Amino acid sequence: MNGLTDQQLIRDYAERRSEAAFAELVRRHIDLVYSAALRMVHDAHQAEDVTQNTFVALAQNAVQLTQRPVLSGWLHRTAQNLAANAVRAEVRRRA
């Protein structure tokens, strides 16, 4: 799996639900996603939740992402959006 591109891995996951392909995508991108989330939420546990939700979104949207040239950009933006939602929810909860 290490020799495959992100596009090949996401296509393999989208077409065959390959757990190995998805695990490799997570391994490659988890640090990027977690660090983007942590920069926004400033809480390790909340950043872990955002990271998990980002990869859930990847699994749910895999078919639409097979033609995306750069998966890391989508993951980063999705993590930012989910982190922003988490921060807004926390502010509302405290108010």
C-alpha atoms as a PDB file:
ATOM      1  CA  MET A   1       0.000   0.000   0.000  1.00  0.00           C
ATOM      2  CA  ASN A   2       2.912   2.374   0.594  1.00  0.00           C
ATOM      3  CA  GLY A   3       3.672   2.668  -3.134  1.00  0.00           C
ATOM      4  CA  LEU A   4       0.173   3.812  -4.100  1.00  0.00           C
ATOM      5  CA  THR A   5      -0.893   7.430  -4.492  1.00  0.00           C
ATOM      6  CA  ASP A   6      -3.657   8.983  -2.402  1.00  0.00           C
ATOM      7  CA  GLN A   7      -5.931   8.896  -5.454  1.00  0.00           C
ATOM      8  CA  GLN A   8      -5.322   5.181  -5.941  1.00  0.00           C
ATOM      9  CA  LEU A   9      -5.983   4.509  -2.264  1.00  0.00           C
ATOM     10  CA  ILE A  10      -9.191   6.540  -2.151  1.00  0.00           C
ATOM     11  CA  ARG A  11     -10.405   4.845  -5.337  1.00  0.00           C
ATOM     12  CA  ASP A  12      -9.618   1.434  -3.823  1.00  0.00           C
ATOM     13  CA  TYR A  13     -11.553   2.360  -0.693  1.00  0.00           C
ATOM     14  CA  ALA A  14     -14.477   3.849  -2.645  1.00  0.00           C
ATOM     15  CA  GLU A  15     -14.807   0.861  -4.982  1.00  0.00           C
ATOM     16  CA  ARG A  16     -13.981  -2.054  -2.686  1.00  0.00           C
ATOM     17  CA  ARG A  17     -14.208  -0.594   0.829  1.00  0.00           C
ATOM     18  CA  SER A  18     -10.600  -1.669   1.361  1.00  0.00           C
ATOM     19  CA  GLU A  19      -9.784  -1.217   5.039  1.00  0.00           C
ATOM     20  CA  ALA A  20      -6.069  -1.409   4.257  1.00  0.00           C
ATOM     21  CA  ALA A  21      -6.357   1.492   1.800  1.00  0.00           C
ATOM     22  CA  PHE A  22      -8.310   3.601   4.291  1.00  0.00           C
ATOM     23  CA  ALA A  23      -5.842   2.791   7.082  1.00  0.00           C
ATOM     24  CA  GLU A  24      -2.978   3.927   4.852  1.00  0.00           C
ATOM     25  CA  LEU A  25      -4.761   7.202   4.099  1.00  0.00           C
ATOM     26  CA  VAL A  26      -5.279   7.770   7.815  1.00  0.00           C
ATOM     27  CA  ARG A  27      -1.641   6.946   8.557  1.00  0.00           C
ATOM     28  CA  ARG A  28      -0.435   9.413   5.920  1.00  0.00           C
ATOM     29  CA  HIS A  29      -2.668  12.312   6.913  1.00  0.00           C
ATOM     30  CA  ILE A  30      -3.522  11.993  10.598  1.00  0.00           C
ATOM     31  CA  ASP A  31      -0.768  14.343  11.763  1.00  0.00           C
ATOM     32  CA  LEU A  32      -1.845  17.062   9.311  1.00  0.00           C
ATOM     33  CA  VAL A  33      -5.493  16.772  10.319  1.00  0.00           C
ATOM     34  CA  TYR A  34      -4.784  16.645  14.060  1.00  0.00           C
ATOM     35  CA  SER A  35      -2.431  19.634  13.991  1.00  0.00           C
ATOM     36  CA  ALA A  36      -4.919  21.721  11.987  1.00  0.00           C
ATOM     37  CA  ALA A  37      -7.647  20.850  14.479  1.00  0.00           C
ATOM     38  CA  LEU A  38      -5.467  21.513  17.513  1.00  0.00           C
ATOM     39  CA  ARG A  39      -4.454  24.957  16.235  1.00  0.00           C
ATOM     40  CA  MET A  40      -8.110  25.936  16.180  1.00  0.00           C
ATOM     41  CA  VAL A  41      -9.630  24.243  19.224  1.00  0.00           C
ATOM     42  CA  HIS A  42      -6.633  24.458  21.596  1.00  0.00           C
ATOM     43  CA  ASP A  43      -7.692  21.270  23.350  1.00  0.00           C
ATOM     44  CA  ALA A  44      -6.160  17.846  22.695  1.00  0.00           C
ATOM     45  CA  HIS A  45      -9.340  15.853  23.332  1.00  0.00           C
ATOM     46  CA  GLN A  46     -11.464  18.104  21.170  1.00  0.00           C
ATOM     47  CA  ALA A  47      -8.790  17.982  18.437  1.00  0.00           C
ATOM     48  CA  GLU A  48      -8.948  14.182  18.548  1.00  0.00           C
ATOM     49  CA  ASP A  49     -12.735  14.345  18.087  1.00  0.00           C
ATOM     50  CA  VAL A  50     -12.362  16.707  15.131  1.00  0.00           C
ATOM     51  CA  THR A  51      -9.711  14.414  13.634  1.00  0.00           C
ATOM     52  CA  GLN A  52     -11.969  11.395  13.968  1.00  0.00           C
ATOM     53  CA  ASN A  53     -14.908  13.276  12.456  1.00  0.00           C
ATOM     54  CA  THR A  54     -12.719  14.393   9.548  1.00  0.00           C
ATOM     55  CA  PHE A  55     -11.877  10.802   8.681  1.00  0.00           C
ATOM     56  CA  VAL A  56     -15.532   9.802   9.081  1.00  0.00           C
ATOM     57  CA  ALA A  57     -16.318  12.509   6.518  1.00  0.00           C
ATOM     58  CA  LEU A  58     -13.599  11.084   4.265  1.00  0.00           C
ATOM     59  CA  ALA A  59     -15.178   7.635   4.463  1.00  0.00           C
ATOM     60  CA  GLN A  60     -18.639   9.045   3.725  1.00  0.00           C
ATOM     61  CA  ASN A  61     -17.440  11.151   0.769  1.00  0.00           C
ATOM     62  CA  ALA A  62     -14.888   8.755  -0.723  1.00  0.00           C
ATOM     63  CA  VAL A  63     -16.750   8.290  -4.002  1.00  0.00           C
ATOM     64  CA  GLN A  64     -16.870  12.043  -4.677  1.00  0.00           C
ATOM     65  CA  LEU A  65     -13.178  12.430  -3.822  1.00  0.00           C
ATOM     66  CA  THR A  66     -11.748   9.864  -6.256  1.00  0.00           C
ATOM     67  CA  GLN A  67     -11.021  12.543  -8.872  1.00  0.00           C
ATOM     68  CA  ARG A  68      -9.670  15.112  -6.411  1.00  0.00           C
ATOM     69  CA  PRO A  69      -6.038  15.866  -7.304  1.00  0.00           C
ATOM     70  CA  VAL A  70      -4.902  16.775  -3.758  1.00  0.00           C
ATOM     71  CA  LEU A  71      -6.629  14.945  -0.923  1.00  0.00           C
ATOM     72  CA  SER A  72      -4.602  16.675   1.798  1.00  0.00           C
ATOM     73  CA  GLY A  73      -6.172  20.052   0.921  1.00  0.00           C
ATOM     74  CA  TRP A  74      -9.670  18.607   1.301  1.00  0.00           C
ATOM     75  CA  LEU A  75      -8.744  16.981   4.618  1.00  0.00           C
ATOM     76  CA  HIS A  76      -7.208  20.215   5.924  1.00  0.00           C
ATOM     77  CA  ARG A  77     -10.226  22.323   4.949  1.00  0.00           C
ATOM     78  CA  THR A  78     -12.648  19.756   6.381  1.00  0.00           C
ATOM     79  CA  ALA A  79     -10.715  19.679   9.668  1.00  0.00           C
ATOM     80  CA  GLN A  80     -10.803  23.473   9.817  1.00  0.00           C
ATOM     81  CA  ASN A  81     -14.543  23.561   9.182  1.00  0.00           C
ATOM     82  CA  LEU A  82     -15.276  20.889  11.780  1.00  0.00           C
ATOM     83  CA  ALA A  83     -12.979  22.600  14.289  1.00  0.00           C
ATOM     84  CA  ALA A  84     -14.723  25.941  13.714  1.00  0.00           C
ATOM     85  CA  ASN A  85     -18.067  24.227  14.322  1.00  0.00           C
ATOM     86  CA  ALA A  86     -16.696  22.709  17.541  1.00  0.00           C
ATOM     87  CA  VAL A  87     -15.434  26.088  18.761  1.00  0.00           C
ATOM     88  CA  ARG A  88     -18.792  27.739  18.012  1.00  0.00           C
ATOM     89  CA  ALA A  89     -20.627  24.949  19.831  1.00  0.00           C
ATOM     90  CA  GLU A  90     -18.337  25.347  22.845  1.00  0.00           C
ATOM     91  CA  VAL A  91     -18.919  29.115  22.941  1.00  0.00           C
ATOM     92  CA  ARG A  92     -22.698  28.575  22.767  1.00  0.00           C
ATOM     93  CA  ARG A  93     -22.511  25.935  25.485  1.00  0.00           C
ATOM     94  CA  ARG A  94     -20.638  28.264  27.827  1.00  0.00           C
ATOM     95  CA  ALA A  95     -22.961  31.215  27.184  1.00  0.00           C
END
